[in-house]
N, C-alpha and C. Protein backbone atom coordinates (compact mmCIF):
# COMPACT_ATOMS: atom_id res chain seq x y z
N MET A 1 108.94 103.98 107.06
CA MET A 1 109.80 103.86 105.90
C MET A 1 109.08 104.45 104.70
N ARG A 2 109.79 105.22 103.94
CA ARG A 2 109.23 105.82 102.74
C ARG A 2 110.11 105.45 101.55
N ARG A 3 109.50 105.36 100.37
CA ARG A 3 110.30 105.04 99.19
C ARG A 3 110.37 106.26 98.30
N ARG A 4 111.52 106.46 97.69
CA ARG A 4 111.71 107.61 96.83
C ARG A 4 111.88 107.21 95.37
N SER A 5 112.26 105.97 95.10
CA SER A 5 112.38 105.50 93.73
C SER A 5 112.07 104.01 93.72
N CYS A 6 111.78 103.49 92.55
CA CYS A 6 111.45 102.08 92.44
C CYS A 6 111.95 101.55 91.12
N ALA A 7 112.07 100.24 91.04
CA ALA A 7 112.54 99.62 89.81
C ALA A 7 111.37 99.46 88.84
N SER A 8 111.66 99.62 87.59
CA SER A 8 110.65 99.48 86.55
C SER A 8 111.29 98.79 85.37
N GLN A 9 110.51 97.99 84.65
CA GLN A 9 111.05 97.36 83.46
C GLN A 9 110.06 97.52 82.33
N ARG A 10 110.28 98.55 81.53
CA ARG A 10 109.44 98.79 80.36
C ARG A 10 110.18 98.37 79.09
N THR A 11 111.47 98.17 79.20
CA THR A 11 112.29 97.73 78.08
C THR A 11 113.02 96.47 78.51
N ALA A 12 113.98 96.02 77.74
CA ALA A 12 114.72 94.81 78.06
C ALA A 12 115.55 94.97 79.33
N ARG A 13 115.90 96.21 79.67
CA ARG A 13 116.70 96.45 80.86
C ARG A 13 115.88 97.17 81.92
N PRO A 14 115.95 96.70 83.18
CA PRO A 14 115.22 97.41 84.22
C PRO A 14 115.87 98.76 84.49
N SER A 15 115.09 99.69 84.97
CA SER A 15 115.62 101.00 85.29
C SER A 15 114.92 101.52 86.54
N ALA A 16 115.49 102.56 87.13
CA ALA A 16 114.88 103.18 88.30
C ALA A 16 113.95 104.29 87.83
N THR A 17 112.76 104.30 88.36
CA THR A 17 111.78 105.33 88.02
C THR A 17 111.22 105.93 89.29
N ARG A 18 110.48 106.99 89.14
CA ARG A 18 109.78 107.57 90.29
C ARG A 18 108.63 106.63 90.64
N PRO A 19 108.31 106.50 91.91
CA PRO A 19 107.18 105.65 92.28
C PRO A 19 105.87 106.27 91.83
N ASN A 20 104.80 105.57 92.11
CA ASN A 20 103.46 105.98 91.74
C ASN A 20 103.29 107.48 91.97
N ALA A 21 102.94 108.21 90.93
CA ALA A 21 102.86 109.66 91.01
C ALA A 21 101.76 110.14 91.95
N ARG A 22 100.72 109.33 92.15
CA ARG A 22 99.63 109.77 93.02
C ARG A 22 100.06 109.80 94.48
N ARG A 23 100.90 108.87 94.89
CA ARG A 23 101.33 108.82 96.29
C ARG A 23 102.81 108.44 96.35
N PRO A 24 103.72 109.27 95.84
CA PRO A 24 105.12 108.88 95.77
C PRO A 24 105.79 108.75 97.13
N ASP A 25 105.25 109.39 98.15
CA ASP A 25 105.92 109.38 99.44
C ASP A 25 105.10 108.68 100.51
N ARG A 26 104.22 107.75 100.12
CA ARG A 26 103.37 107.11 101.12
C ARG A 26 104.20 106.27 102.08
N THR A 27 103.70 106.15 103.28
CA THR A 27 104.35 105.35 104.30
C THR A 27 104.15 103.88 103.95
N LEU A 28 105.26 103.13 103.90
CA LEU A 28 105.17 101.72 103.54
C LEU A 28 104.97 100.84 104.76
N PHE A 29 105.69 101.11 105.83
CA PHE A 29 105.62 100.27 107.02
C PHE A 29 105.58 101.15 108.26
N ARG A 30 104.81 100.74 109.24
CA ARG A 30 104.78 101.45 110.51
C ARG A 30 105.31 100.59 111.65
N ARG A 31 105.23 99.29 111.52
CA ARG A 31 105.66 98.43 112.62
C ARG A 31 107.16 98.47 112.78
N ALA A 32 107.61 98.59 114.00
CA ALA A 32 109.03 98.71 114.30
C ALA A 32 109.81 97.50 113.79
N ALA A 33 109.23 96.30 113.88
CA ALA A 33 109.94 95.10 113.43
C ALA A 33 110.28 95.19 111.96
N TYR A 34 109.34 95.68 111.14
CA TYR A 34 109.61 95.82 109.71
C TYR A 34 110.66 96.89 109.48
N ALA A 35 110.53 97.98 110.17
CA ALA A 35 111.48 99.08 110.01
C ALA A 35 112.88 98.62 110.40
N ASP A 36 113.00 97.85 111.47
CA ASP A 36 114.31 97.35 111.90
C ASP A 36 114.92 96.45 110.84
N LYS A 37 114.11 95.58 110.24
CA LYS A 37 114.62 94.69 109.18
C LYS A 37 115.07 95.49 107.96
N LEU A 38 114.30 96.51 107.62
CA LEU A 38 114.68 97.33 106.48
C LEU A 38 115.93 98.16 106.76
N ARG A 39 116.08 98.61 108.00
CA ARG A 39 117.31 99.33 108.36
C ARG A 39 118.52 98.40 108.27
N ALA A 40 118.36 97.16 108.72
CA ALA A 40 119.45 96.18 108.62
C ALA A 40 119.77 95.92 107.15
N HIS A 41 118.73 95.82 106.33
CA HIS A 41 118.93 95.62 104.89
C HIS A 41 119.69 96.81 104.31
N ARG A 42 119.31 98.01 104.73
CA ARG A 42 119.99 99.22 104.24
C ARG A 42 121.45 99.22 104.70
N ASP A 43 121.73 98.78 105.90
CA ASP A 43 123.11 98.69 106.37
C ASP A 43 123.92 97.75 105.49
N THR A 44 123.31 96.63 105.10
CA THR A 44 123.97 95.69 104.19
C THR A 44 124.26 96.36 102.85
N GLN A 45 123.27 97.10 102.34
CA GLN A 45 123.48 97.82 101.08
C GLN A 45 124.64 98.80 101.18
N LEU A 46 124.74 99.49 102.30
CA LEU A 46 125.83 100.46 102.47
C LEU A 46 127.18 99.76 102.49
N LEU A 47 127.24 98.58 103.11
CA LEU A 47 128.48 97.80 103.10
C LEU A 47 128.82 97.35 101.68
N GLU A 48 127.81 96.90 100.93
CA GLU A 48 128.04 96.48 99.54
C GLU A 48 128.53 97.66 98.71
N ARG A 49 127.96 98.82 98.95
CA ARG A 49 128.37 100.02 98.22
C ARG A 49 129.83 100.35 98.54
N ASP A 50 130.19 100.30 99.81
CA ASP A 50 131.58 100.58 100.19
C ASP A 50 132.54 99.56 99.58
N PHE A 51 132.12 98.29 99.59
CA PHE A 51 132.97 97.22 99.05
C PHE A 51 133.14 97.37 97.54
N ALA A 52 132.07 97.76 96.84
CA ALA A 52 132.13 97.89 95.37
C ALA A 52 132.89 99.13 94.92
N GLY A 53 132.97 100.11 95.79
CA GLY A 53 133.70 101.33 95.43
C GLY A 53 133.06 102.05 94.26
N PRO A 54 133.88 102.51 93.32
CA PRO A 54 133.33 103.29 92.20
C PRO A 54 132.45 102.47 91.24
N ALA A 55 132.47 101.14 91.35
CA ALA A 55 131.62 100.32 90.49
C ALA A 55 130.15 100.39 90.92
N TYR A 56 129.90 100.89 92.14
CA TYR A 56 128.54 100.97 92.66
C TYR A 56 127.88 102.25 92.18
N THR A 57 126.66 102.13 91.68
CA THR A 57 125.88 103.30 91.28
C THR A 57 124.68 103.40 92.21
N ASP A 58 124.66 104.44 93.03
CA ASP A 58 123.57 104.61 94.00
C ASP A 58 122.35 105.19 93.30
N ARG A 59 121.30 104.37 93.20
CA ARG A 59 120.05 104.80 92.57
C ARG A 59 118.94 104.97 93.61
N ASP A 60 119.31 104.88 94.90
CA ASP A 60 118.36 105.04 95.99
C ASP A 60 117.23 104.03 95.93
N LEU A 61 117.58 102.77 95.60
CA LEU A 61 116.59 101.70 95.51
C LEU A 61 116.53 100.93 96.82
N LEU A 62 115.35 100.50 97.20
CA LEU A 62 115.19 99.68 98.39
C LEU A 62 115.79 98.29 98.17
N PHE A 63 115.56 97.73 97.00
CA PHE A 63 116.12 96.44 96.64
C PHE A 63 116.88 96.60 95.32
N CYS A 64 118.13 96.21 95.34
CA CYS A 64 118.97 96.33 94.14
C CYS A 64 120.02 95.23 94.17
N ASP A 65 120.76 95.11 93.07
CA ASP A 65 121.84 94.11 93.04
C ASP A 65 123.04 94.68 93.80
N PRO A 66 124.11 93.89 93.99
CA PRO A 66 125.25 94.36 94.78
C PRO A 66 125.96 95.60 94.22
N LEU A 67 125.67 95.96 92.97
CA LEU A 67 126.29 97.17 92.41
C LEU A 67 125.30 98.33 92.31
N GLY A 68 124.12 98.17 92.93
CA GLY A 68 123.15 99.26 92.98
C GLY A 68 122.16 99.29 91.83
N ALA A 69 122.27 98.36 90.88
CA ALA A 69 121.36 98.36 89.73
C ALA A 69 120.03 97.72 90.11
N PRO A 70 118.95 98.08 89.40
CA PRO A 70 117.66 97.44 89.67
C PRO A 70 117.75 95.93 89.45
N ILE A 71 116.99 95.19 90.23
CA ILE A 71 116.97 93.74 90.10
C ILE A 71 116.04 93.37 88.95
N GLN A 72 116.48 92.44 88.12
CA GLN A 72 115.63 91.93 87.05
C GLN A 72 114.37 91.34 87.68
N PRO A 73 113.19 91.67 87.18
CA PRO A 73 111.96 91.14 87.77
C PRO A 73 111.94 89.62 87.89
N ARG A 74 112.49 88.93 86.90
CA ARG A 74 112.52 87.45 86.96
C ARG A 74 113.33 86.99 88.17
N ARG A 75 114.45 87.64 88.41
CA ARG A 75 115.29 87.28 89.55
C ARG A 75 114.60 87.56 90.87
N LEU A 76 113.88 88.67 90.94
CA LEU A 76 113.16 89.01 92.16
C LEU A 76 112.08 87.97 92.43
N GLY A 77 111.39 87.53 91.37
CA GLY A 77 110.39 86.48 91.50
C GLY A 77 111.01 85.19 92.01
N GLU A 78 112.18 84.83 91.50
CA GLU A 78 112.88 83.63 91.95
C GLU A 78 113.23 83.74 93.43
N HIS A 79 113.67 84.92 93.84
CA HIS A 79 114.02 85.17 95.24
C HIS A 79 112.79 84.94 96.13
N PHE A 80 111.64 85.49 95.73
CA PHE A 80 110.42 85.31 96.51
C PHE A 80 110.02 83.85 96.56
N HIS A 81 110.14 83.14 95.44
CA HIS A 81 109.76 81.72 95.43
C HIS A 81 110.61 80.92 96.41
N ARG A 82 111.90 81.21 96.49
CA ARG A 82 112.76 80.52 97.47
C ARG A 82 112.27 80.77 98.89
N HIS A 83 111.89 82.01 99.18
CA HIS A 83 111.39 82.35 100.52
C HIS A 83 110.02 81.73 100.78
N TYR A 84 109.16 81.68 99.77
CA TYR A 84 107.87 81.01 99.92
C TYR A 84 108.09 79.56 100.32
N GLU A 85 108.97 78.88 99.58
CA GLU A 85 109.24 77.47 99.86
C GLU A 85 109.81 77.29 101.26
N ALA A 86 110.77 78.12 101.64
CA ALA A 86 111.39 78.01 102.96
C ALA A 86 110.37 78.22 104.08
N ALA A 87 109.38 79.08 103.83
CA ALA A 87 108.36 79.37 104.85
C ALA A 87 107.20 78.39 104.79
N GLY A 88 107.21 77.47 103.80
CA GLY A 88 106.12 76.51 103.67
C GLY A 88 104.85 77.13 103.13
N ILE A 89 104.99 78.24 102.42
CA ILE A 89 103.84 78.92 101.83
C ILE A 89 103.67 78.41 100.40
N PRO A 90 102.43 78.11 99.99
CA PRO A 90 102.24 77.67 98.61
C PRO A 90 102.79 78.72 97.64
N ALA A 91 103.34 78.24 96.56
CA ALA A 91 103.94 79.15 95.57
C ALA A 91 102.92 80.16 95.09
N GLY A 92 103.38 81.35 94.85
CA GLY A 92 102.53 82.41 94.35
C GLY A 92 103.39 83.34 93.52
N THR A 93 102.79 84.42 93.10
CA THR A 93 103.54 85.41 92.33
C THR A 93 104.10 86.45 93.27
N LEU A 94 104.83 87.36 92.69
CA LEU A 94 105.40 88.45 93.47
C LEU A 94 104.30 89.32 94.08
N HIS A 95 103.13 89.32 93.45
CA HIS A 95 102.02 90.13 93.96
C HIS A 95 101.17 89.41 95.01
N THR A 96 101.47 88.16 95.30
CA THR A 96 100.68 87.42 96.28
C THR A 96 100.62 88.13 97.63
N PRO A 97 101.73 88.62 98.17
CA PRO A 97 101.63 89.34 99.46
C PRO A 97 100.75 90.59 99.36
N ARG A 98 100.80 91.27 98.23
CA ARG A 98 99.96 92.46 98.04
C ARG A 98 98.48 92.07 98.04
N HIS A 99 98.14 91.00 97.31
CA HIS A 99 96.75 90.54 97.26
C HIS A 99 96.29 90.05 98.64
N THR A 100 97.18 89.38 99.35
CA THR A 100 96.85 88.91 100.69
C THR A 100 96.58 90.09 101.61
N THR A 101 97.42 91.11 101.53
CA THR A 101 97.23 92.31 102.34
C THR A 101 95.88 92.95 102.04
N ALA A 102 95.56 93.10 100.77
CA ALA A 102 94.30 93.72 100.38
C ALA A 102 93.11 92.89 100.85
N THR A 103 93.19 91.59 100.69
CA THR A 103 92.11 90.71 101.10
C THR A 103 91.88 90.79 102.60
N LEU A 104 92.96 90.68 103.38
CA LEU A 104 92.84 90.74 104.83
C LEU A 104 92.31 92.09 105.29
N ALA A 105 92.79 93.15 104.67
CA ALA A 105 92.35 94.49 105.07
C ALA A 105 90.87 94.69 104.78
N LEU A 106 90.43 94.32 103.59
CA LEU A 106 89.02 94.51 103.24
C LEU A 106 88.09 93.66 104.11
N THR A 107 88.46 92.41 104.35
CA THR A 107 87.60 91.56 105.17
C THR A 107 87.64 91.97 106.64
N ALA A 108 88.67 92.72 107.05
CA ALA A 108 88.73 93.24 108.41
C ALA A 108 88.01 94.58 108.55
N GLY A 109 87.48 95.09 107.44
CA GLY A 109 86.71 96.31 107.51
C GLY A 109 87.48 97.59 107.25
N VAL A 110 88.70 97.49 106.74
CA VAL A 110 89.44 98.70 106.39
C VAL A 110 88.72 99.38 105.23
N PRO A 111 88.42 100.66 105.36
CA PRO A 111 87.72 101.36 104.26
C PRO A 111 88.52 101.29 102.95
N VAL A 112 87.79 101.17 101.86
CA VAL A 112 88.41 101.01 100.55
C VAL A 112 89.35 102.17 100.23
N HIS A 113 88.95 103.39 100.55
CA HIS A 113 89.81 104.53 100.21
C HIS A 113 91.11 104.53 101.02
N ILE A 114 91.06 104.01 102.23
CA ILE A 114 92.28 103.91 103.05
C ILE A 114 93.20 102.84 102.47
N LEU A 115 92.63 101.68 102.14
CA LEU A 115 93.44 100.60 101.55
C LEU A 115 94.04 101.05 100.22
N ALA A 116 93.24 101.73 99.41
CA ALA A 116 93.74 102.21 98.12
C ALA A 116 94.93 103.13 98.32
N ALA A 117 94.86 104.02 99.29
CA ALA A 117 95.97 104.93 99.56
C ALA A 117 97.21 104.16 100.01
N ARG A 118 97.03 103.15 100.85
CA ARG A 118 98.17 102.34 101.34
C ARG A 118 98.83 101.59 100.19
N LEU A 119 98.01 101.10 99.25
CA LEU A 119 98.55 100.31 98.14
C LEU A 119 98.98 101.17 96.96
N GLY A 120 98.68 102.46 97.02
CA GLY A 120 99.05 103.35 95.92
C GLY A 120 98.14 103.21 94.71
N ASP A 121 96.90 102.80 94.96
CA ASP A 121 95.92 102.62 93.89
C ASP A 121 94.76 103.58 94.08
N ARG A 122 93.91 103.64 93.09
CA ARG A 122 92.65 104.38 93.19
C ARG A 122 91.61 103.45 93.80
N PRO A 123 90.64 103.98 94.54
CA PRO A 123 89.59 103.11 95.10
C PRO A 123 88.88 102.30 94.02
N GLU A 124 88.71 102.88 92.83
CA GLU A 124 88.03 102.16 91.74
C GLU A 124 88.81 100.89 91.37
N GLN A 125 90.13 100.98 91.39
CA GLN A 125 90.96 99.82 91.06
C GLN A 125 90.82 98.73 92.13
N ILE A 126 90.80 99.15 93.37
CA ILE A 126 90.63 98.18 94.46
C ILE A 126 89.27 97.50 94.32
N LEU A 127 88.24 98.29 94.07
CA LEU A 127 86.90 97.71 93.93
C LEU A 127 86.81 96.75 92.75
N SER A 128 87.43 97.09 91.63
CA SER A 128 87.33 96.20 90.47
C SER A 128 88.10 94.91 90.69
N THR A 129 89.14 94.95 91.50
CA THR A 129 89.95 93.75 91.75
C THR A 129 89.38 92.89 92.87
N TYR A 130 88.84 93.53 93.92
CA TYR A 130 88.45 92.79 95.13
C TYR A 130 86.97 92.89 95.45
N ALA A 131 86.15 93.25 94.47
CA ALA A 131 84.72 93.43 94.73
C ALA A 131 84.06 92.19 95.32
N GLN A 132 84.54 91.01 94.97
CA GLN A 132 83.92 89.78 95.47
C GLN A 132 84.02 89.66 96.99
N LEU A 133 84.92 90.42 97.61
CA LEU A 133 85.07 90.36 99.06
C LEU A 133 84.07 91.26 99.78
N LEU A 134 83.49 92.18 99.06
CA LEU A 134 82.66 93.19 99.70
C LEU A 134 81.29 92.73 100.17
N PRO A 135 80.67 91.68 99.61
CA PRO A 135 79.37 91.28 100.18
C PRO A 135 79.45 90.99 101.67
N LYS A 136 80.49 90.30 102.12
CA LYS A 136 80.65 90.05 103.56
C LYS A 136 80.87 91.37 104.28
N SER A 137 81.66 92.25 103.69
CA SER A 137 81.91 93.55 104.30
C SER A 137 80.63 94.35 104.36
N ASP A 138 79.78 94.22 103.35
CA ASP A 138 78.51 94.93 103.32
C ASP A 138 77.61 94.45 104.45
N GLU A 139 77.61 93.14 104.71
CA GLU A 139 76.81 92.61 105.82
C GLU A 139 77.30 93.18 107.14
N VAL A 140 78.61 93.24 107.32
CA VAL A 140 79.19 93.80 108.55
C VAL A 140 78.79 95.26 108.69
N ALA A 141 78.86 96.02 107.60
CA ALA A 141 78.49 97.43 107.63
C ALA A 141 77.02 97.58 108.02
N ALA A 142 76.14 96.76 107.44
CA ALA A 142 74.71 96.83 107.76
C ALA A 142 74.47 96.52 109.24
N GLU A 143 75.16 95.53 109.77
CA GLU A 143 75.01 95.18 111.18
C GLU A 143 75.48 96.32 112.08
N ARG A 144 76.60 96.96 111.71
CA ARG A 144 77.12 98.06 112.53
C ARG A 144 76.19 99.27 112.50
N VAL A 145 75.63 99.58 111.34
CA VAL A 145 74.68 100.70 111.25
C VAL A 145 73.43 100.37 112.08
N ALA A 146 72.94 99.14 111.96
CA ALA A 146 71.76 98.75 112.75
C ALA A 146 72.04 98.85 114.24
N ALA A 147 73.21 98.41 114.66
CA ALA A 147 73.58 98.49 116.07
C ALA A 147 73.68 99.94 116.53
N ALA A 148 74.23 100.80 115.68
CA ALA A 148 74.34 102.21 116.04
C ALA A 148 72.97 102.85 116.15
N LEU A 149 72.04 102.49 115.26
CA LEU A 149 70.69 103.03 115.33
C LEU A 149 69.93 102.52 116.55
N ALA A 150 70.19 101.28 116.93
CA ALA A 150 69.50 100.69 118.07
C ALA A 150 69.87 101.36 119.38
N THR A 151 71.05 101.95 119.46
CA THR A 151 71.50 102.58 120.70
C THR A 151 70.99 104.00 120.84
N ARG A 152 70.32 104.52 119.84
CA ARG A 152 69.82 105.92 119.88
C ARG A 152 68.40 105.99 120.33
């Protein structure tokens, strides 16, 4: 799945903008289960568009209101909170899944530059946000280098 536009709110009204200019066409999901859910979501959007008729404005958004407009960030946060509660997950912000992804990836040994590309950030930004996770990663890296040297 790739995204071509995203919602942004720099003024009182949200608007559709181009995604991160550094990686506007990055792959968001590779797992078939996620892609299937997003396709089903897109099918629902197409039905809403047909039902709304000329009142619908297609802005090519992944998540939008029933008339195609960007979702107010506050409303999107409320939506996530309802799902957090239903799943029994402690309340968090809209960025909690992003932080969880970054944390799990870094502690699993995903290289910083790869994670940065997936998240649409610069490696420097990832390091400044998640540097506290790297001491454990550094130990793992040292062990792997030592193991590689021992086999030679």
